[in-house]
Amino acid sequence: MPVRVKIDRSRCVVAHFCLFYAPTVFIPSEGGKPAIAPEYAVNGFEEGVVPDWLYEQVKEAERHCPSRAIRVYKE
């Protein structure tokens, strides 16, 4: 089952917990705010689809995001 990940960069406070918890999915981008890694990105760098085996990592990133800028859900 595909796992969809979204970043609301307007809410992001650049705490970088996402880079710590899911470093293969989230990468730093210009301006320091995180982006979805190119191999998972769809519709730009704020939205992506990751394999099921990365679900726990992206959920941890979502749980620890202080600004609640990350949303993770299964389709």
PDB file of N, CA and C in Angstrom:
ATOM      1  N   MET A   1       0.850  -1.181   0.000  1.00  0.00           N
ATOM      2  CA  MET A   1       0.000   0.000   0.000  1.00  0.00           C
ATOM      3  C   MET A   1       0.899   1.248   0.000  1.00  0.00           C
ATOM      4  N   PRO A   2       0.723   2.136  -0.952  1.00  0.00           N
ATOM      5  CA  PRO A   2       1.555   3.340  -1.008  1.00  0.00           C
ATOM      6  C   PRO A   2       1.350   4.248   0.215  1.00  0.00           C
ATOM      7  N   VAL A   3       2.415   4.894   0.587  1.00  0.00           N
ATOM      8  CA  VAL A   3       2.385   5.832   1.705  1.00  0.00           C
ATOM      9  C   VAL A   3       2.638   7.226   1.144  1.00  0.00           C
ATOM     10  N   ARG A   4       1.690   8.117   1.357  1.00  0.00           N
ATOM     11  CA  ARG A   4       1.813   9.481   0.857  1.00  0.00           C
ATOM     12  C   ARG A   4       2.334  10.381   1.979  1.00  0.00           C
ATOM     13  N   VAL A   5       3.259  11.271   1.618  1.00  0.00           N
ATOM     14  CA  VAL A   5       3.873  12.197   2.567  1.00  0.00           C
ATOM     15  C   VAL A   5       3.745  13.608   2.006  1.00  0.00           C
ATOM     16  N   LYS A   6       3.334  14.545   2.856  1.00  0.00           N
ATOM     17  CA  LYS A   6       3.235  15.946   2.436  1.00  0.00           C
ATOM     18  C   LYS A   6       3.929  16.838   3.464  1.00  0.00           C
ATOM     19  N   ILE A   7       4.588  17.876   2.956  1.00  0.00           N
ATOM     20  CA  ILE A   7       5.199  18.889   3.808  1.00  0.00           C
ATOM     21  C   ILE A   7       4.511  20.215   3.517  1.00  0.00           C
ATOM     22  N   ASP A   8       4.036  20.858   4.563  1.00  0.00           N
ATOM     23  CA  ASP A   8       3.502  22.213   4.430  1.00  0.00           C
ATOM     24  C   ASP A   8       4.648  23.158   4.788  1.00  0.00           C
ATOM     25  N   ARG A   9       5.382  23.562   3.779  1.00  0.00           N
ATOM     26  CA  ARG A   9       6.584  24.369   4.017  1.00  0.00           C
ATOM     27  C   ARG A   9       6.270  25.737   4.618  1.00  0.00           C
ATOM     28  N   SER A  10       5.055  26.211   4.475  1.00  0.00           N
ATOM     29  CA  SER A  10       4.697  27.494   5.091  1.00  0.00           C
ATOM     30  C   SER A  10       4.595  27.365   6.612  1.00  0.00           C
ATOM     31  N   ARG A  11       4.354  26.164   7.112  1.00  0.00           N
ATOM     32  CA  ARG A  11       4.277  25.923   8.558  1.00  0.00           C
ATOM     33  C   ARG A  11       5.616  25.519   9.159  1.00  0.00           C
ATOM     34  N   CYS A  12       6.526  25.057   8.332  1.00  0.00           N
ATOM     35  CA  CYS A  12       7.807  24.518   8.786  1.00  0.00           C
ATOM     36  C   CYS A  12       8.624  25.571   9.538  1.00  0.00           C
ATOM     37  N   VAL A  13       9.161  25.160  10.702  1.00  0.00           N
ATOM     38  CA  VAL A  13      10.009  26.049  11.505  1.00  0.00           C
ATOM     39  C   VAL A  13      11.480  25.621  11.439  1.00  0.00           C
ATOM     40  N   VAL A  14      11.814  24.735  10.527  1.00  0.00           N
ATOM     41  CA  VAL A  14      13.177  24.282  10.246  1.00  0.00           C
ATOM     42  C   VAL A  14      13.845  23.648  11.478  1.00  0.00           C
ATOM     43  N   ALA A  15      13.106  22.827  12.202  1.00  0.00           N
ATOM     44  CA  ALA A  15      13.670  22.113  13.349  1.00  0.00           C
ATOM     45  C   ALA A  15      14.492  20.899  12.890  1.00  0.00           C
ATOM     46  N   HIS A  16      14.222  20.408  11.702  1.00  0.00           N
ATOM     47  CA  HIS A  16      14.948  19.307  11.060  1.00  0.00           C
ATOM     48  C   HIS A  16      14.817  17.961  11.745  1.00  0.00           C
ATOM     49  N   PHE A  17      13.784  17.768  12.559  1.00  0.00           N
ATOM     50  CA  PHE A  17      13.540  16.440  13.116  1.00  0.00           C
ATOM     51  C   PHE A  17      13.250  15.444  12.001  1.00  0.00           C
ATOM     52  N   CYS A  18      12.616  15.898  10.933  1.00  0.00           N
ATOM     53  CA  CYS A  18      12.304  15.007   9.812  1.00  0.00           C
ATOM     54  C   CYS A  18      13.584  14.462   9.174  1.00  0.00           C
ATOM     55  N   LEU A  19      14.616  15.287   9.100  1.00  0.00           N
ATOM     56  CA  LEU A  19      15.878  14.829   8.524  1.00  0.00           C
ATOM     57  C   LEU A  19      16.529  13.776   9.413  1.00  0.00           C
ATOM     58  N   PHE A  20      16.295  13.874  10.709  1.00  0.00           N
ATOM     59  CA  PHE A  20      16.843  12.912  11.657  1.00  0.00           C
ATOM     60  C   PHE A  20      16.088  11.580  11.599  1.00  0.00           C
ATOM     61  N   TYR A  21      14.760  11.637  11.614  1.00  0.00           N
ATOM     62  CA  TYR A  21      13.956  10.425  11.686  1.00  0.00           C
ATOM     63  C   TYR A  21      13.782   9.713  10.348  1.00  0.00           C
ATOM     64  N   ALA A  22      13.813  10.432   9.251  1.00  0.00           N
ATOM     65  CA  ALA A  22      13.635   9.810   7.931  1.00  0.00           C
ATOM     66  C   ALA A  22      14.596  10.441   6.918  1.00  0.00           C
ATOM     67  N   PRO A  23      15.900  10.229   7.110  1.00  0.00           N
ATOM     68  CA  PRO A  23      16.891  10.896   6.253  1.00  0.00           C
ATOM     69  C   PRO A  23      16.887  10.458   4.794  1.00  0.00           C
ATOM     70  N   THR A  24      16.303   9.310   4.488  1.00  0.00           N
ATOM     71  CA  THR A  24      16.242   8.896   3.085  1.00  0.00           C
ATOM     72  C   THR A  24      15.061   9.528   2.360  1.00  0.00           C
ATOM     73  N   VAL A  25      14.094  10.041   3.119  1.00  0.00           N
ATOM     74  CA  VAL A  25      12.893  10.645   2.522  1.00  0.00           C
ATOM     75  C   VAL A  25      12.991  12.170   2.500  1.00  0.00           C
ATOM     76  N   PHE A  26      13.450  12.757   3.596  1.00  0.00           N
ATOM     77  CA  PHE A  26      13.533  14.217   3.705  1.00  0.00           C
ATOM     78  C   PHE A  26      14.976  14.672   3.521  1.00  0.00           C
ATOM     79  N   ILE A  27      15.144  15.696   2.705  1.00  0.00           N
ATOM     80  CA  ILE A  27      16.478  16.260   2.457  1.00  0.00           C
ATOM     81  C   ILE A  27      16.404  17.772   2.632  1.00  0.00           C
ATOM     82  N   PRO A  28      17.531  18.400   2.983  1.00  0.00           N
ATOM     83  CA  PRO A  28      17.518  19.864   3.065  1.00  0.00           C
ATOM     84  C   PRO A  28      17.437  20.456   1.664  1.00  0.00           C
ATOM     85  N   SER A  29      16.763  21.571   1.554  1.00  0.00           N
ATOM     86  CA  SER A  29      16.669  22.238   0.257  1.00  0.00           C
ATOM     87  C   SER A  29      17.125  23.681   0.403  1.00  0.00           C
ATOM     88  N   GLU A  30      17.068  24.379  -0.685  1.00  0.00           N
ATOM     89  CA  GLU A  30      17.438  25.787  -0.689  1.00  0.00           C
ATOM     90  C   GLU A  30      16.621  26.530   0.371  1.00  0.00           C
ATOM     91  N   GLY A  31      17.277  27.348   1.155  1.00  0.00           N
ATOM     92  CA  GLY A  31      16.597  28.057   2.221  1.00  0.00           C
ATOM     93  C   GLY A  31      16.552  27.274   3.519  1.00  0.00           C
ATOM     94  N   GLY A  32      17.040  26.032   3.506  1.00  0.00           N
ATOM     95  CA  GLY A  32      17.111  25.231   4.708  1.00  0.00           C
ATOM     96  C   GLY A  32      15.890  24.389   5.018  1.00  0.00           C
ATOM     97  N   LYS A  33      14.755  24.697   4.418  1.00  0.00           N
ATOM     98  CA  LYS A  33      13.547  23.916   4.696  1.00  0.00           C
ATOM     99  C   LYS A  33      13.649  22.553   4.011  1.00  0.00           C
ATOM    100  N   PRO A  34      13.061  21.533   4.630  1.00  0.00           N
ATOM    101  CA  PRO A  34      13.158  20.196   4.045  1.00  0.00           C
ATOM    102  C   PRO A  34      12.308  20.039   2.788  1.00  0.00           C
ATOM    103  N   ALA A  35      12.716  19.081   1.992  1.00  0.00           N
ATOM    104  CA  ALA A  35      11.992  18.708   0.780  1.00  0.00           C
ATOM    105  C   ALA A  35      11.948  17.189   0.725  1.00  0.00           C
ATOM    106  N   ILE A  36      11.057  16.672  -0.091  1.00  0.00           N
ATOM    107  CA  ILE A  36      11.005  15.228  -0.331  1.00  0.00           C
ATOM    108  C   ILE A  36      12.133  14.889  -1.303  1.00  0.00           C
ATOM    109  N   ALA A  37      12.869  13.821  -1.000  1.00  0.00           N
ATOM    110  CA  ALA A  37      13.959  13.384  -1.873  1.00  0.00           C
ATOM    111  C   ALA A  37      13.425  13.115  -3.280  1.00  0.00           C
ATOM    112  N   PRO A  38      14.209  13.440  -4.301  1.00  0.00           N
ATOM    113  CA  PRO A  38      13.745  13.320  -5.694  1.00  0.00           C
ATOM    114  C   PRO A  38      13.177  11.945  -6.061  1.00  0.00           C
ATOM    115  N   GLU A  39      13.754  10.880  -5.512  1.00  0.00           N
ATOM    116  CA  GLU A  39      13.276   9.543  -5.877  1.00  0.00           C
ATOM    117  C   GLU A  39      11.868   9.241  -5.357  1.00  0.00           C
ATOM    118  N   TYR A  40      11.380  10.038  -4.396  1.00  0.00           N
ATOM    119  CA  TYR A  40      10.037   9.836  -3.840  1.00  0.00           C
ATOM    120  C   TYR A  40       9.081  10.973  -4.173  1.00  0.00           C
ATOM    121  N   ALA A  41       9.581  12.063  -4.718  1.00  0.00           N
ATOM    122  CA  ALA A  41       8.774  13.259  -4.950  1.00  0.00           C
ATOM    123  C   ALA A  41       7.778  13.077  -6.088  1.00  0.00           C
ATOM    124  N   VAL A  42       6.596  13.648  -5.880  1.00  0.00           N
ATOM    125  CA  VAL A  42       5.569  13.761  -6.913  1.00  0.00           C
ATOM    126  C   VAL A  42       4.978  15.156  -6.777  1.00  0.00           C
ATOM    127  N   ASN A  43       4.629  15.754  -7.874  1.00  0.00           N
ATOM    128  CA  ASN A  43       4.052  17.112  -7.843  1.00  0.00           C
ATOM    129  C   ASN A  43       4.966  18.111  -7.140  1.00  0.00           C
ATOM    130  N   GLY A  44       6.235  18.089  -7.461  1.00  0.00           N
ATOM    131  CA  GLY A  44       7.172  19.011  -6.817  1.00  0.00           C
ATOM    132  C   GLY A  44       7.858  18.359  -5.634  1.00  0.00           C
ATOM    133  N   PHE A  45       8.422  19.167  -4.757  1.00  0.00           N
ATOM    134  CA  PHE A  45       9.222  18.631  -3.654  1.00  0.00           C
ATOM    135  C   PHE A  45       8.493  18.666  -2.312  1.00  0.00           C
ATOM    136  N   GLU A  46       7.216  19.026  -2.310  1.00  0.00           N
ATOM    137  CA  GLU A  46       6.450  19.078  -1.069  1.00  0.00           C
ATOM    138  C   GLU A  46       5.562  17.855  -0.864  1.00  0.00           C
ATOM    139  N   GLU A  47       5.508  17.000  -1.839  1.00  0.00           N
ATOM    140  CA  GLU A  47       4.642  15.817  -1.758  1.00  0.00           C
ATOM    141  C   GLU A  47       5.377  14.622  -2.343  1.00  0.00           C
ATOM    142  N   GLY A  48       5.174  13.459  -1.729  1.00  0.00           N
ATOM    143  CA  GLY A  48       5.836  12.274  -2.231  1.00  0.00           C
ATOM    144  C   GLY A  48       5.095  11.001  -1.890  1.00  0.00           C
ATOM    145  N   VAL A  49       5.538   9.923  -2.511  1.00  0.00           N
ATOM    146  CA  VAL A  49       5.021   8.589  -2.236  1.00  0.00           C
ATOM    147  C   VAL A  49       6.233   7.724  -1.916  1.00  0.00           C
ATOM    148  N   VAL A  50       6.174   7.079  -0.746  1.00  0.00           N
ATOM    149  CA  VAL A  50       7.294   6.248  -0.308  1.00  0.00           C
ATOM    150  C   VAL A  50       6.830   4.804  -0.165  1.00  0.00           C
ATOM    151  N   PRO A  51       7.773   3.855  -0.245  1.00  0.00           N
ATOM    152  CA  PRO A  51       7.406   2.456  -0.063  1.00  0.00           C
ATOM    153  C   PRO A  51       6.946   2.192   1.375  1.00  0.00           C
ATOM    154  N   ASP A  52       6.169   1.146   1.511  1.00  0.00           N
ATOM    155  CA  ASP A  52       5.600   0.782   2.806  1.00  0.00           C
ATOM    156  C   ASP A  52       6.672   0.571   3.883  1.00  0.00           C
ATOM    157  N   TRP A  53       7.845   0.083   3.500  1.00  0.00           N
ATOM    158  CA  TRP A  53       8.880  -0.191   4.499  1.00  0.00           C
ATOM    159  C   TRP A  53       9.429   1.089   5.140  1.00  0.00           C
ATOM    160  N   LEU A  54       9.145   2.251   4.565  1.00  0.00           N
ATOM    161  CA  LEU A  54       9.560   3.528   5.157  1.00  0.00           C
ATOM    162  C   LEU A  54       8.461   4.168   6.007  1.00  0.00           C
ATOM    163  N   TYR A  55       7.326   3.500   6.128  1.00  0.00           N
ATOM    164  CA  TYR A  55       6.182   4.072   6.853  1.00  0.00           C
ATOM    165  C   TYR A  55       6.541   4.482   8.283  1.00  0.00           C
ATOM    166  N   GLU A  56       7.166   3.620   9.040  1.00  0.00           N
ATOM    167  CA  GLU A  56       7.480   3.947  10.439  1.00  0.00           C
ATOM    168  C   GLU A  56       8.420   5.147  10.543  1.00  0.00           C
ATOM    169  N   GLN A  57       9.377   5.248   9.640  1.00  0.00           N
ATOM    170  CA  GLN A  57      10.295   6.389   9.663  1.00  0.00           C
ATOM    171  C   GLN A  57       9.560   7.707   9.419  1.00  0.00           C
ATOM    172  N   VAL A  58       8.713   7.747   8.401  1.00  0.00           N
ATOM    173  CA  VAL A  58       8.014   9.000   8.105  1.00  0.00           C
ATOM    174  C   VAL A  58       6.967   9.324   9.168  1.00  0.00           C
ATOM    175  N   LYS A  59       6.374   8.282   9.788  1.00  0.00           N
ATOM    176  CA  LYS A  59       5.437   8.526  10.893  1.00  0.00           C
ATOM    177  C   LYS A  59       6.171   9.119  12.103  1.00  0.00           C
ATOM    178  N   GLU A  60       7.375   8.662  12.370  1.00  0.00           N
ATOM    179  CA  GLU A  60       8.174   9.242  13.460  1.00  0.00           C
ATOM    180  C   GLU A  60       8.493  10.704  13.157  1.00  0.00           C
ATOM    181  N   ALA A  61       8.825  10.985  11.921  1.00  0.00           N
ATOM    182  CA  ALA A  61       9.081  12.380  11.526  1.00  0.00           C
ATOM    183  C   ALA A  61       7.830  13.225  11.735  1.00  0.00           C
ATOM    184  N   GLU A  62       6.676  12.696  11.353  1.00  0.00           N
ATOM    185  CA  GLU A  62       5.413  13.410  11.546  1.00  0.00           C
ATOM    186  C   GLU A  62       5.142  13.649  13.031  1.00  0.00           C
ATOM    187  N   ARG A  63       5.336  12.625  13.852  1.00  0.00           N
ATOM    188  CA  ARG A  63       5.077  12.736  15.292  1.00  0.00           C
ATOM    189  C   ARG A  63       5.965  13.761  15.974  1.00  0.00           C
ATOM    190  N   HIS A  64       7.201  13.890  15.508  1.00  0.00           N
ATOM    191  CA  HIS A  64       8.163  14.775  16.164  1.00  0.00           C
ATOM    192  C   HIS A  64       8.255  16.173  15.556  1.00  0.00           C
ATOM    193  N   CYS A  65       7.527  16.427  14.496  1.00  0.00           N
ATOM    194  CA  CYS A  65       7.560  17.754  13.865  1.00  0.00           C
ATOM    195  C   CYS A  65       6.869  18.767  14.784  1.00  0.00           C
ATOM    196  N   PRO A  66       7.610  19.749  15.315  1.00  0.00           N
ATOM    197  CA  PRO A  66       7.014  20.691  16.267  1.00  0.00           C
ATOM    198  C   PRO A  66       5.971  21.613  15.651  1.00  0.00           C
ATOM    199  N   SER A  67       6.026  21.828  14.353  1.00  0.00           N
ATOM    200  CA  SER A  67       5.066  22.735  13.712  1.00  0.00           C
ATOM    201  C   SER A  67       3.919  21.986  13.030  1.00  0.00           C
ATOM    202  N   ARG A  68       3.938  20.653  13.128  1.00  0.00           N
ATOM    203  CA  ARG A  68       2.905  19.822  12.502  1.00  0.00           C
ATOM    204  C   ARG A  68       2.826  20.072  10.993  1.00  0.00           C
ATOM    205  N   ALA A  69       3.994  20.260  10.382  1.00  0.00           N
ATOM    206  CA  ALA A  69       4.051  20.562   8.955  1.00  0.00           C
ATOM    207  C   ALA A  69       4.062  19.307   8.082  1.00  0.00           C
ATOM    208  N   ILE A  70       4.204  18.134   8.689  1.00  0.00           N
ATOM    209  CA  ILE A  70       4.284  16.882   7.935  1.00  0.00           C
ATOM    210  C   ILE A  70       3.006  16.086   8.132  1.00  0.00           C
ATOM    211  N   ARG A  71       2.498  15.555   7.022  1.00  0.00           N
ATOM    212  CA  ARG A  71       1.324  14.686   7.061  1.00  0.00           C
ATOM    213  C   ARG A  71       1.680  13.387   6.341  1.00  0.00           C
ATOM    214  N   VAL A  72       1.348  12.264   6.973  1.00  0.00           N
ATOM    215  CA  VAL A  72       1.636  10.948   6.414  1.00  0.00           C
ATOM    216  C   VAL A  72       0.338  10.149   6.443  1.00  0.00           C
ATOM    217  N   TYR A  73       0.009   9.517   5.334  1.00  0.00           N
ATOM    218  CA  TYR A  73      -1.161   8.649   5.306  1.00  0.00           C
ATOM    219  C   TYR A  73      -1.031   7.587   4.245  1.00  0.00           C
ATOM    220  N   LYS A  74      -1.671   6.463   4.505  1.00  0.00           N
ATOM    221  CA  LYS A  74      -1.684   5.368   3.538  1.00  0.00           C
ATOM    222  C   LYS A  74      -2.881   5.529   2.636  1.00  0.00           C
ATOM    223  N   GLU A  75      -2.687   5.233   1.362  1.00  0.00           N
ATOM    224  CA  GLU A  75      -3.775   5.356   0.383  1.00  0.00           C
ATOM    225  C   GLU A  75      -4.641   4.130   0.365  1.00  0.00           C
TER     226      GLU A  75
END
